C-alpha atoms as a PDB file:
ATOM      1  CA  MET A   1       0.000   0.000   0.000  1.00  0.00           C
ATOM      2  CA  THR A   2       1.373   3.401  -0.959  1.00  0.00           C
ATOM      3  CA  PRO A   3       1.564   6.331   1.475  1.00  0.00           C
ATOM      4  CA  GLN A   4      -1.101   8.094  -0.566  1.00  0.00           C
ATOM      5  CA  SER A   5      -3.521   5.178  -0.293  1.00  0.00           C
ATOM      6  CA  GLU A   6      -2.820   4.887   3.440  1.00  0.00           C
ATOM      7  CA  SER A   7      -3.671   8.557   3.860  1.00  0.00           C
ATOM      8  CA  THR A   8      -6.865   8.188   1.837  1.00  0.00           C
ATOM      9  CA  GLY A   9      -7.932   5.188   3.893  1.00  0.00           C
ATOM     10  CA  ALA A  10      -7.395   7.101   7.129  1.00  0.00           C
ATOM     11  CA  GLN A  11      -9.582   9.929   5.864  1.00  0.00           C
ATOM     12  CA  ASP A  12     -12.315   7.460   4.869  1.00  0.00           C
ATOM     13  CA  ASP A  13     -12.365   6.139   8.448  1.00  0.00           C
ATOM     14  CA  ILE A  14     -13.290   9.540   9.900  1.00  0.00           C
ATOM     15  CA  LYS A  15     -16.855   9.545  11.234  1.00  0.00           C
ATOM     16  CA  VAL A  16     -18.627  12.855  11.764  1.00  0.00           C
ATOM     17  CA  ALA A  17     -21.989  13.143  13.513  1.00  0.00           C
ATOM     18  CA  TRP A  18     -24.711  14.640  11.317  1.00  0.00           C
ATOM     19  CA  LEU A  19     -25.466  17.329  13.910  1.00  0.00           C
ATOM     20  CA  ASP A  20     -21.826  18.435  13.677  1.00  0.00           C
ATOM     21  CA  VAL A  21     -22.126  18.603   9.888  1.00  0.00           C
ATOM     22  CA  VAL A  22     -25.288  20.688  10.252  1.00  0.00           C
ATOM     23  CA  ARG A  23     -23.595  23.104  12.650  1.00  0.00           C
ATOM     24  CA  PHE A  24     -20.622  23.416  10.310  1.00  0.00           C
ATOM     25  CA  LEU A  25     -22.736  24.093   7.232  1.00  0.00           C
ATOM     26  CA  ARG A  26     -24.928  26.551   9.118  1.00  0.00           C
ATOM     27  CA  GLN A  27     -21.897  28.513  10.341  1.00  0.00           C
ATOM     28  CA  LEU A  28     -20.205  28.397   6.945  1.00  0.00           C
ATOM     29  CA  SER A  29     -23.362  29.650   5.258  1.00  0.00           C
ATOM     30  CA  HIS A  30     -23.660  32.452   7.806  1.00  0.00           C
ATOM     31  CA  ASP A  31     -20.029  33.520   7.331  1.00  0.00           C
ATOM     32  CA  LEU A  32     -20.238  33.477   3.547  1.00  0.00           C
ATOM     33  CA  ARG A  33     -23.474  35.450   3.522  1.00  0.00           C
ATOM     34  CA  ASN A  34     -21.854  38.107   5.710  1.00  0.00           C
ATOM     35  CA  GLN A  35     -19.051  38.401   3.161  1.00  0.00           C
ATOM     36  CA  LEU A  36     -21.539  38.532   0.292  1.00  0.00           C
ATOM     37  CA  ASN A  37     -23.418  41.320   2.074  1.00  0.00           C
ATOM     38  CA  ALA A  38     -20.158  43.261   2.237  1.00  0.00           C
ATOM     39  CA  VAL A  39     -19.625  42.707  -1.496  1.00  0.00           C
ATOM     40  CA  GLU A  40     -23.175  43.890  -2.156  1.00  0.00           C
ATOM     41  CA  LEU A  41     -22.610  47.095  -0.174  1.00  0.00           C
ATOM     42  CA  GLN A  42     -19.348  47.739  -1.997  1.00  0.00           C
ATOM     43  CA  SER A  43     -20.923  47.132  -5.403  1.00  0.00           C
ATOM     44  CA  ALA A  44     -23.782  49.496  -4.518  1.00  0.00           C
ATOM     45  CA  PHE A  45     -21.191  52.149  -3.688  1.00  0.00           C
ATOM     46  CA  LEU A  46     -19.419  51.537  -7.003  1.00  0.00           C
ATOM     47  CA  ALA A  47     -22.739  51.868  -8.832  1.00  0.00           C
ATOM     48  CA  GLU A  48     -23.137  55.359  -7.362  1.00  0.00           C
ATOM     49  CA  LEU A  49     -19.641  56.342  -8.480  1.00  0.00           C
ATOM     50  CA  ALA A  50     -19.867  54.872 -11.985  1.00  0.00           C
ATOM     51  CA  THR A  51     -20.771  57.228 -14.808  1.00  0.00           C
ATOM     52  CA  ASP A  52     -20.196  54.941 -17.781  1.00  0.00           C
ATOM     53  CA  ALA A  53     -23.364  53.130 -18.922  1.00  0.00           C
ATOM     54  CA  GLU A  54     -21.509  49.900 -19.687  1.00  0.00           C
ATOM     55  CA  MET A  55     -19.843  49.946 -16.286  1.00  0.00           C
ATOM     56  CA  LYS A  56     -23.197  50.441 -14.564  1.00  0.00           C
ATOM     57  CA  GLU A  57     -24.577  47.454 -16.476  1.00  0.00           C
ATOM     58  CA  GLU A  58     -21.673  45.267 -15.388  1.00  0.00           C
ATOM     59  CA  ILE A  59     -22.111  46.320 -11.754  1.00  0.00           C
ATOM     60  CA  THR A  60     -25.808  45.463 -11.977  1.00  0.00           C
ATOM     61  CA  ARG A  61     -24.883  42.035 -13.301  1.00  0.00           C
ATOM     62  CA  LEU A  62     -22.387  41.594 -10.463  1.00  0.00           C
ATOM     63  CA  ARG A  63     -24.991  42.492  -7.848  1.00  0.00           C
ATOM     64  CA  LYS A  64     -27.398  39.968  -9.366  1.00  0.00           C
ATOM     65  CA  MET A  65     -24.745  37.232  -9.146  1.00  0.00           C
ATOM     66  CA  VAL A  66     -24.060  38.105  -5.513  1.00  0.00           C
ATOM     67  CA  SER A  67     -27.776  37.992  -4.762  1.00  0.00           C
ATOM     68  CA  GLN A  68     -28.081  34.560  -6.376  1.00  0.00           C
ATOM     69  CA  CYS A  69     -25.198  33.253  -4.275  1.00  0.00           C
ATOM     70  CA  GLY A  70     -26.846  34.567  -1.127  1.00  0.00           C
ATOM     71  CA  SER A  71     -30.160  32.938  -2.066  1.00  0.00           C
ATOM     72  CA  ALA A  72     -28.435  29.617  -2.707  1.00  0.00           C
ATOM     73  CA  LEU A  73     -26.783  29.721   0.717  1.00  0.00           C
ATOM     74  CA  GLN A  74     -30.070  30.630   2.374  1.00  0.00           C
ATOM     75  CA  LYS A  75     -31.738  27.680   0.646  1.00  0.00           C
ATOM     76  CA  LEU A  76     -28.934  25.413   1.829  1.00  0.00           C
ATOM     77  CA  SER A  77     -29.394  26.607   5.419  1.00  0.00           C
ATOM     78  CA  GLY A  78     -33.115  25.950   5.166  1.00  0.00           C
ATOM     79  CA  ARG A  79     -32.560  22.391   3.975  1.00  0.00           C
ATOM     80  CA  ILE A  80     -30.212  21.405   6.777  1.00  0.00           C
ATOM     81  CA  ASN A  81     -32.117  23.022   9.657  1.00  0.00           C
ATOM     82  CA  PRO A  82     -34.241  20.525  11.609  1.00  0.00           C
ATOM     83  CA  PRO A  83     -37.929  21.058  10.731  1.00  0.00           C
ATOM     84  CA  ALA A  84     -40.106  22.451  13.511  1.00  0.00           C
ATOM     85  CA  CYS A  85     -43.605  21.074  13.018  1.00  0.00           C
ATOM     86  CA  THR A  86     -46.733  22.998  13.993  1.00  0.00           C
ATOM     87  CA  PRO A  87     -49.542  20.493  13.357  1.00  0.00           C
ATOM     88  CA  THR A  88     -53.129  21.380  12.643  1.00  0.00           C
ATOM     89  CA  SER A  89     -56.160  19.424  11.467  1.00  0.00           C
ATOM     90  CA  TYR A  90     -56.188  19.226   7.676  1.00  0.00           C
ATOM     91  CA  GLY A  91     -58.977  17.580   5.684  1.00  0.00           C
ATOM     92  CA  VAL A  92     -57.553  14.914   3.385  1.00  0.00           C
ATOM     93  CA  ASN A  93     -59.506  16.090   0.349  1.00  0.00           C
ATOM     94  CA  ASP A  94     -58.393  19.684   0.962  1.00  0.00           C
ATOM     95  CA  LEU A  95     -54.807  18.508   1.396  1.00  0.00           C
ATOM     96  CA  LEU A  96     -54.851  16.663  -1.936  1.00  0.00           C
ATOM     97  CA  GLU A  97     -56.476  19.549  -3.774  1.00  0.00           C
ATOM     98  CA  ASP A  98     -53.899  21.983  -2.384  1.00  0.00           C
ATOM     99  CA  LEU A  99     -51.041  19.631  -3.259  1.00  0.00           C
ATOM    100  CA  ARG A 100     -52.226  19.267  -6.834  1.00  0.00           C
ATOM    101  CA  SER A 101     -52.617  23.030  -7.210  1.00  0.00           C
ATOM    102  CA  LYS A 102     -49.132  23.617  -5.776  1.00  0.00           C
ATOM    103  CA  VAL A 103     -47.588  21.074  -8.148  1.00  0.00           C
ATOM    104  CA  GLN A 104     -49.253  22.790 -11.089  1.00  0.00           C
ATOM    105  CA  VAL A 105     -47.824  26.137  -9.990  1.00  0.00           C
ATOM    106  CA  ASP A 106     -44.306  24.988  -9.126  1.00  0.00           C
ATOM    107  CA  PHE A 107     -43.935  22.609 -12.081  1.00  0.00           C
ATOM    108  CA  ALA A 108     -45.998  24.332 -14.737  1.00  0.00           C
ATOM    109  CA  LYS A 109     -44.245  22.608 -17.656  1.00  0.00           C
ATOM    110  CA  GLU A 110     -44.166  19.101 -16.187  1.00  0.00           C
ATOM    111  CA  ALA A 111     -47.365  18.928 -14.112  1.00  0.00           C
ATOM    112  CA  ALA A 112     -49.570  17.861 -17.025  1.00  0.00           C
ATOM    113  CA  ALA A 113     -47.587  14.607 -17.254  1.00  0.00           C
ATOM    114  CA  ILE A 114     -48.753  13.424 -13.817  1.00  0.00           C
ATOM    115  CA  HIS A 115     -51.759  11.125 -13.690  1.00  0.00           C
ATOM    116  CA  TRP A 116     -53.648  11.713 -10.430  1.00  0.00           C
ATOM    117  CA  GLU A 117     -55.793   9.072  -8.731  1.00  0.00           C
ATOM    118  CA  THR A 118     -57.703   9.513  -5.484  1.00  0.00           C
ATOM    119  CA  GLN A 119     -59.160   6.689  -3.421  1.00  0.00           C
ATOM    120  CA  VAL A 120     -59.782   8.330  -0.054  1.00  0.00           C
ATOM    121  CA  SER A 121     -62.564   8.455   2.476  1.00  0.00           C
ATOM    122  CA  ALA A 122     -63.621  11.681   4.157  1.00  0.00           C
ATOM    123  CA  SER A 123     -61.057  12.106   6.930  1.00  0.00           C
ATOM    124  CA  SER A 124     -58.321  14.392   8.191  1.00  0.00           C
ATOM    125  CA  VAL A 125     -54.679  14.356   9.269  1.00  0.00           C
ATOM    126  CA  GLU A 126     -52.770  16.288  11.928  1.00  0.00           C
ATOM    127  CA  VAL A 127     -49.905  17.875   9.989  1.00  0.00           C
ATOM    128  CA  ASP A 128     -48.052  21.095   9.363  1.00  0.00           C
ATOM    129  CA  PRO A 129     -49.559  21.987   5.950  1.00  0.00           C
ATOM    130  CA  GLN A 130     -46.684  24.132   4.715  1.00  0.00           C
ATOM    131  CA  GLN A 131     -44.004  21.636   5.690  1.00  0.00           C
ATOM    132  CA  LEU A 132     -45.927  18.670   4.343  1.00  0.00           C
ATOM    133  CA  GLN A 133     -46.284  20.454   1.006  1.00  0.00           C
ATOM    134  CA  GLU A 134     -42.541  21.070   1.021  1.00  0.00           C
ATOM    135  CA  ALA A 135     -41.858  17.366   1.591  1.00  0.00           C
ATOM    136  CA  VAL A 136     -44.254  16.112  -1.088  1.00  0.00           C
ATOM    137  CA  LEU A 137     -43.024  18.691  -3.603  1.00  0.00           C
ATOM    138  CA  GLU A 138     -39.461  17.520  -2.983  1.00  0.00           C
ATOM    139  CA  VAL A 139     -40.483  13.967  -3.859  1.00  0.00           C
ATOM    140  CA  VAL A 140     -42.185  15.236  -7.019  1.00  0.00           C
ATOM    141  CA  ARG A 141     -39.181  17.430  -7.884  1.00  0.00           C
ATOM    142  CA  ASN A 142     -36.851  14.479  -7.503  1.00  0.00           C
ATOM    143  CA  ALA A 143     -39.050  12.468  -9.863  1.00  0.00           C
ATOM    144  CA  PHE A 144     -39.045  15.178 -12.530  1.00  0.00           C
ATOM    145  CA  GLU A 145     -35.286  15.703 -12.277  1.00  0.00           C
ATOM    146  CA  HIS A 146     -34.699  11.989 -12.928  1.00  0.00           C
ATOM    147  CA  ARG A 147     -37.556  11.480 -15.355  1.00  0.00           C
ATOM    148  CA  HIS A 148     -36.847   9.220 -18.318  1.00  0.00           C
ATOM    149  CA  GLY A 149     -38.020  10.699 -21.625  1.00  0.00           C
ATOM    150  CA  ASP A 150     -41.754  11.387 -21.737  1.00  0.00           C
ATOM    151  CA  ALA A 151     -42.603   8.964 -18.945  1.00  0.00           C
ATOM    152  CA  SER A 152     -45.811   9.872 -17.109  1.00  0.00           C
ATOM    153  CA  PRO A 153     -45.656   9.462 -13.312  1.00  0.00           C
ATOM    154  CA  ARG A 154     -48.773   8.412 -11.400  1.00  0.00           C
ATOM    155  CA  PHE A 155     -49.692   9.953  -8.045  1.00  0.00           C
ATOM    156  CA  ILE A 156     -52.133   7.789  -6.116  1.00  0.00           C
ATOM    157  CA  ALA A 157     -53.680   8.861  -2.810  1.00  0.00           C
ATOM    158  CA  ARG A 158     -55.626   6.337  -0.767  1.00  0.00           C
ATOM    159  CA  THR A 159     -56.693   5.604   2.782  1.00  0.00           C
ATOM    160  CA  GLU A 160     -55.596   2.268   4.232  1.00  0.00           C
ATOM    161  CA  GLY A 161     -56.932   1.512   7.692  1.00  0.00           C
ATOM    162  CA  ASP A 162     -55.792   4.341   9.953  1.00  0.00           C
ATOM    163  CA  ASN A 163     -53.381   5.832   7.424  1.00  0.00           C
ATOM    164  CA  LEU A 164     -53.293   8.147   4.447  1.00  0.00           C
ATOM    165  CA  VAL A 165     -50.975   6.695   1.804  1.00  0.00           C
ATOM    166  CA  LEU A 166     -49.513   8.864  -0.954  1.00  0.00           C
ATOM    167  CA  SER A 167     -47.608   6.953  -3.651  1.00  0.00           C
ATOM    168  CA  LEU A 168     -45.690   8.274  -6.643  1.00  0.00           C
ATOM    169  CA  TYR A 169     -45.035   5.750  -9.412  1.00  0.00           C
ATOM    170  CA  GLU A 170     -42.175   6.610 -11.787  1.00  0.00           C
ATOM    171  CA  PRO A 171     -41.723   4.468 -14.927  1.00  0.00           C
ATOM    172  CA  LYS A 172     -38.062   3.395 -15.176  1.00  0.00           C
ATOM    173  CA  ALA A 173     -36.768   0.671 -17.468  1.00  0.00           C
ATOM    174  CA  GLU A 174     -33.715   0.303 -15.250  1.00  0.00           C
ATOM    175  CA  PHE A 175     -32.940   1.336 -11.684  1.00  0.00           C
ATOM    176  CA  THR A 176     -29.851   0.259  -9.781  1.00  0.00           C
ATOM    177  CA  LEU A 177     -29.764   2.525  -6.721  1.00  0.00           C
ATOM    178  CA  PRO A 178     -30.445   0.868  -3.349  1.00  0.00           C
ATOM    179  CA  THR A 179     -33.671   2.012  -1.681  1.00  0.00           C
ATOM    180  CA  GLU A 180     -33.217   0.610   1.843  1.00  0.00           C
ATOM    181  CA  ASN A 181     -32.014   3.945   3.214  1.00  0.00           C
ATOM    182  CA  TRP A 182     -34.056   6.216   0.965  1.00  0.00           C
ATOM    183  CA  GLY A 183     -33.853   9.759   2.265  1.00  0.00           C
ATOM    184  CA  ARG A 184     -31.294   8.779   4.915  1.00  0.00           C
ATOM    185  CA  GLU A 185     -28.054   9.442   3.060  1.00  0.00           C
ATOM    186  CA  PRO A 186     -27.534  13.222   2.852  1.00  0.00           C
ATOM    187  CA  LEU A 187     -24.492  14.379   0.870  1.00  0.00           C
ATOM    188  CA  ARG A 188     -24.071  10.902  -0.662  1.00  0.00           C
ATOM    189  CA  HIS A 189     -24.937  11.961  -4.229  1.00  0.00           C
ATOM    190  CA  VAL A 190     -23.910  15.511  -5.142  1.00  0.00           C
ATOM    191  CA  ASN A 191     -23.558  17.481  -8.346  1.00  0.00           C
ATOM    192  CA  ARG A 192     -23.704  21.117  -9.340  1.00  0.00           C
ATOM    193  CA  GLY A 193     -26.410  22.871  -7.332  1.00  0.00           C
ATOM    194  CA  HIS A 194     -27.610  19.606  -5.752  1.00  0.00           C
ATOM    195  CA  TYR A 195     -26.215  18.225  -2.521  1.00  0.00           C
ATOM    196  CA  GLY A 196     -28.359  15.225  -1.663  1.00  0.00           C
ATOM    197  CA  LEU A 197     -30.268  17.101   1.034  1.00  0.00           C
ATOM    198  CA  GLY A 198     -33.777  17.352  -0.396  1.00  0.00           C
ATOM    199  CA  LEU A 199     -35.055  13.831   0.258  1.00  0.00           C
ATOM    200  CA  ASN A 200     -33.340  13.773   3.639  1.00  0.00           C
ATOM    201  CA  ARG A 201     -35.269  16.869   4.693  1.00  0.00           C
ATOM    202  CA  ALA A 202     -38.496  15.492   3.213  1.00  0.00           C
ATOM    203  CA  ARG A 203     -38.062  12.337   5.289  1.00  0.00           C
ATOM    204  CA  ALA A 204     -37.337  14.373   8.446  1.00  0.00           C
ATOM    205  CA  ILE A 205     -40.484  16.453   7.897  1.00  0.00           C
ATOM    206  CA  ILE A 206     -42.675  13.407   7.317  1.00  0.00           C
ATOM    207  CA  GLU A 207     -41.290  11.493  10.293  1.00  0.00           C
ATOM    208  CA  GLY A 208     -41.697  14.613  12.432  1.00  0.00           C
ATOM    209  CA  GLN A 209     -45.418  14.407  11.676  1.00  0.00           C
ATOM    210  CA  GLY A 210     -45.732  10.764  12.650  1.00  0.00           C
ATOM    211  CA  GLY A 211     -45.375   9.338   9.151  1.00  0.00           C
ATOM    212  CA  ASN A 212     -42.724   7.606   7.108  1.00  0.00           C
ATOM    213  CA  LEU A 213     -41.113   7.807   3.676  1.00  0.00           C
ATOM    214  CA  ARG A 214     -39.955   4.760   1.779  1.00  0.00           C
ATOM    215  CA  ALA A 215     -39.135   3.703  -1.766  1.00  0.00           C
ATOM    216  CA  ARG A 216     -38.853   0.449  -3.696  1.00  0.00           C
ATOM    217  CA  TYR A 217     -38.193  -0.531  -7.272  1.00  0.00           C
ATOM    218  CA  ASP A 218     -40.777  -2.832  -8.828  1.00  0.00           C
ATOM    219  CA  SER A 219     -38.792  -4.717 -11.472  1.00  0.00           C
ATOM    220  CA  ASN A 220     -41.902  -6.503 -12.766  1.00  0.00           C
ATOM    221  CA  ASP A 221     -43.650  -3.250 -13.668  1.00  0.00           C
ATOM    222  CA  SER A 222     -40.385  -1.315 -14.209  1.00  0.00           C
ATOM    223  CA  GLN A 223     -41.255   1.548 -11.883  1.00  0.00           C
ATOM    224  CA  LEU A 224     -39.874   3.246  -8.811  1.00  0.00           C
ATOM    225  CA  VAL A 225     -42.547   3.607  -6.131  1.00  0.00           C
ATOM    226  CA  THR A 226     -42.062   6.309  -3.488  1.00  0.00           C
ATOM    227  CA  THR A 227     -44.604   6.146  -0.668  1.00  0.00           C
ATOM    228  CA  ILE A 228     -45.506   8.615   2.079  1.00  0.00           C
ATOM    229  CA  THR A 229     -47.629   7.223   4.907  1.00  0.00           C
ATOM    230  CA  LEU A 230     -49.336   9.543   7.397  1.00  0.00           C
ATOM    231  CA  PRO A 231     -51.617   8.615  10.307  1.00  0.00           C
ATOM    232  CA  LEU A 232     -55.195   9.809  10.074  1.00  0.00           C
ATOM    233  CA  SER A 233     -56.547  11.919  12.901  1.00  0.00           C
ATOM    234  CA  ALA A 234     -57.705   9.746  15.795  1.00  0.00           C
ATOM    235  CA  LYS A 235     -61.212  11.186  15.710  1.00  0.00           C
ATOM    236  CA  ALA A 236     -61.514  10.391  12.023  1.00  0.00           C
ATOM    237  CA  ALA A 237     -59.859   6.972  12.009  1.00  0.00           C
END
């Protein structure tokens, strides 16, 4: 074994608690945003001094880039912060109608591809509506980002015993990723602008409201099935 490989192996053995990672990312985001605010103030001052039209345009472009960086860091902070749930009674039919409307707004170009099916009884759930929408939209977003061609996902909502079950079926000819720890591996798969945090936060939100998030690949029907299960309100169950 070479010295380089020994060093790499030692680094791989380092274990860091997720709460420590969260604290680090939160502090890093805070520090960088402070620096970006300073850049914004300086660029605003330069804009006042500039007299050349082209220079003013370039400063405006710079300020926009700084603003985008700040927004990205703020979004990152939001995704790593533990969700604080404020539950309230939410009629299942109202919940589904609001979810569908939100999907149509947030995914205007893709929403028409989803086939919606509802098989629910009149009941309610105790959830934080805003956070639950965030979690479900993250599942839908993940599906659209990894959509194969013109495949049409199916979103099926049904009541099973004392639970509300929301399932998203994504047609996929092939799927090799393990699903045992779905939503439990933040930072495992990263690429530009995506850090593997979305499904982890969605899972945390759902579990914080007494539910669970799971996924499985059905090789017989060639589809990935992501399921959110939420308990119905005791008085309605």
